[in-house]
Amino acid sequence: MRRPSAALAPAEKIAPSTKVGDQAREAEAPVASSALAAGRDVPVDHDRVAEIRKALETGTYPLIPTEIADALIASGLYGKVGK
């Protein structure tokens, strides 16, 4: 049995997303507080952090929502970030 087709409108163009640097910085607070809670014993690759920060500021860092979600779930941070 075939479904009657509804009138279809052409797809609208999607506006590009805003860059991370343009968004409010309030999302950084949970990350900063969790870093403080971890103490000074956590090894940090400062060169890699600077590289990622520069890529985020210039809009060249590949943000892939599914990978971000998978990493949050795997780390146990899902539901805890932003609270």
Protein backbone atom coordinates (compact mmCIF):
# COMPACT_ATOMS: atom_id res chain seq x y z
CA MET A 1 0.00 0.00 0.00
CA ARG A 2 1.40 3.39 -0.96
CA ARG A 3 1.13 6.41 1.26
CA PRO A 4 -0.28 9.50 -0.35
CA SER A 5 2.56 11.93 -0.80
CA ALA A 6 2.33 15.30 0.85
CA ALA A 7 3.41 18.45 -0.89
CA LEU A 8 7.12 18.89 -0.33
CA ALA A 9 8.81 22.24 0.01
CA PRO A 10 12.44 22.74 -0.94
CA ALA A 11 14.86 22.45 1.95
CA GLU A 12 15.96 25.69 3.53
CA LYS A 13 19.60 26.58 3.90
CA ILE A 14 20.98 25.98 7.35
CA ALA A 15 22.82 28.85 8.97
CA PRO A 16 26.41 28.06 9.95
CA SER A 17 26.90 27.50 13.64
CA THR A 18 28.60 30.11 15.76
CA LYS A 19 32.21 29.60 16.64
CA VAL A 20 33.07 28.42 20.11
CA GLY A 21 34.85 31.68 20.88
CA ASP A 22 31.65 33.61 20.15
CA GLN A 23 29.61 31.71 22.72
CA ALA A 24 29.30 32.58 26.38
CA ARG A 25 32.21 31.41 28.48
CA GLU A 26 29.96 30.08 31.24
CA ALA A 27 30.34 26.54 29.89
CA GLU A 28 34.01 26.63 30.92
CA ALA A 29 33.23 26.81 34.64
CA PRO A 30 32.51 23.08 35.16
CA VAL A 31 35.71 22.15 33.34
CA ALA A 32 37.77 24.58 35.42
CA SER A 33 36.26 23.40 38.70
CA SER A 34 36.75 19.73 37.82
CA ALA A 35 40.39 20.44 36.98
CA LEU A 36 40.83 22.07 40.38
CA ALA A 37 39.17 19.13 42.10
CA ALA A 38 41.57 16.74 40.36
CA GLY A 39 44.54 18.38 42.05
CA ARG A 40 48.01 19.07 40.75
CA ASP A 41 48.90 15.42 40.10
CA VAL A 42 47.13 15.28 36.74
CA PRO A 43 49.60 15.32 33.83
CA VAL A 44 48.77 17.99 31.24
CA ASP A 45 50.28 18.30 27.77
CA HIS A 46 50.40 22.10 27.67
CA ASP A 47 51.55 22.19 24.04
CA ARG A 48 48.53 20.10 22.99
CA VAL A 49 46.21 22.30 25.04
CA ALA A 50 47.61 25.40 23.31
CA GLU A 51 47.23 23.73 19.90
CA ILE A 52 43.59 22.82 20.56
CA ARG A 53 42.82 26.26 22.01
CA LYS A 54 44.26 27.95 18.91
CA ALA A 55 42.26 25.66 16.59
CA LEU A 56 39.06 26.42 18.53
CA GLU A 57 39.69 30.17 18.35
CA THR A 58 40.34 30.07 14.60
CA GLY A 59 37.42 27.73 13.92
CA THR A 60 39.59 24.95 12.49
CA TYR A 61 39.07 22.35 15.24
CA PRO A 62 36.77 19.58 14.03
CA LEU A 63 33.84 19.43 16.45
CA ILE A 64 32.03 16.14 15.91
CA PRO A 65 28.99 15.96 18.23
CA THR A 66 28.77 12.16 18.22
CA GLU A 67 32.41 11.78 19.29
CA ILE A 68 31.93 14.40 22.02
CA ALA A 69 28.83 12.61 23.29
CA ASP A 70 30.58 9.23 23.25
CA ALA A 71 33.53 10.65 25.19
CA LEU A 72 31.26 12.27 27.80
CA ILE A 73 29.38 9.01 28.32
CA ALA A 74 32.59 6.95 28.49
CA SER A 75 34.17 9.32 31.02
CA GLY A 76 31.16 9.28 33.31
CA LEU A 77 30.63 13.03 32.91
CA TYR A 78 27.27 12.68 31.15
CA GLY A 79 24.68 14.42 33.29
CA LYS A 80 27.32 16.04 35.50
CA VAL A 81 28.64 18.75 33.16
CA GLY A 82 26.98 22.12 33.70
CA LYS A 83 25.60 21.35 37.15
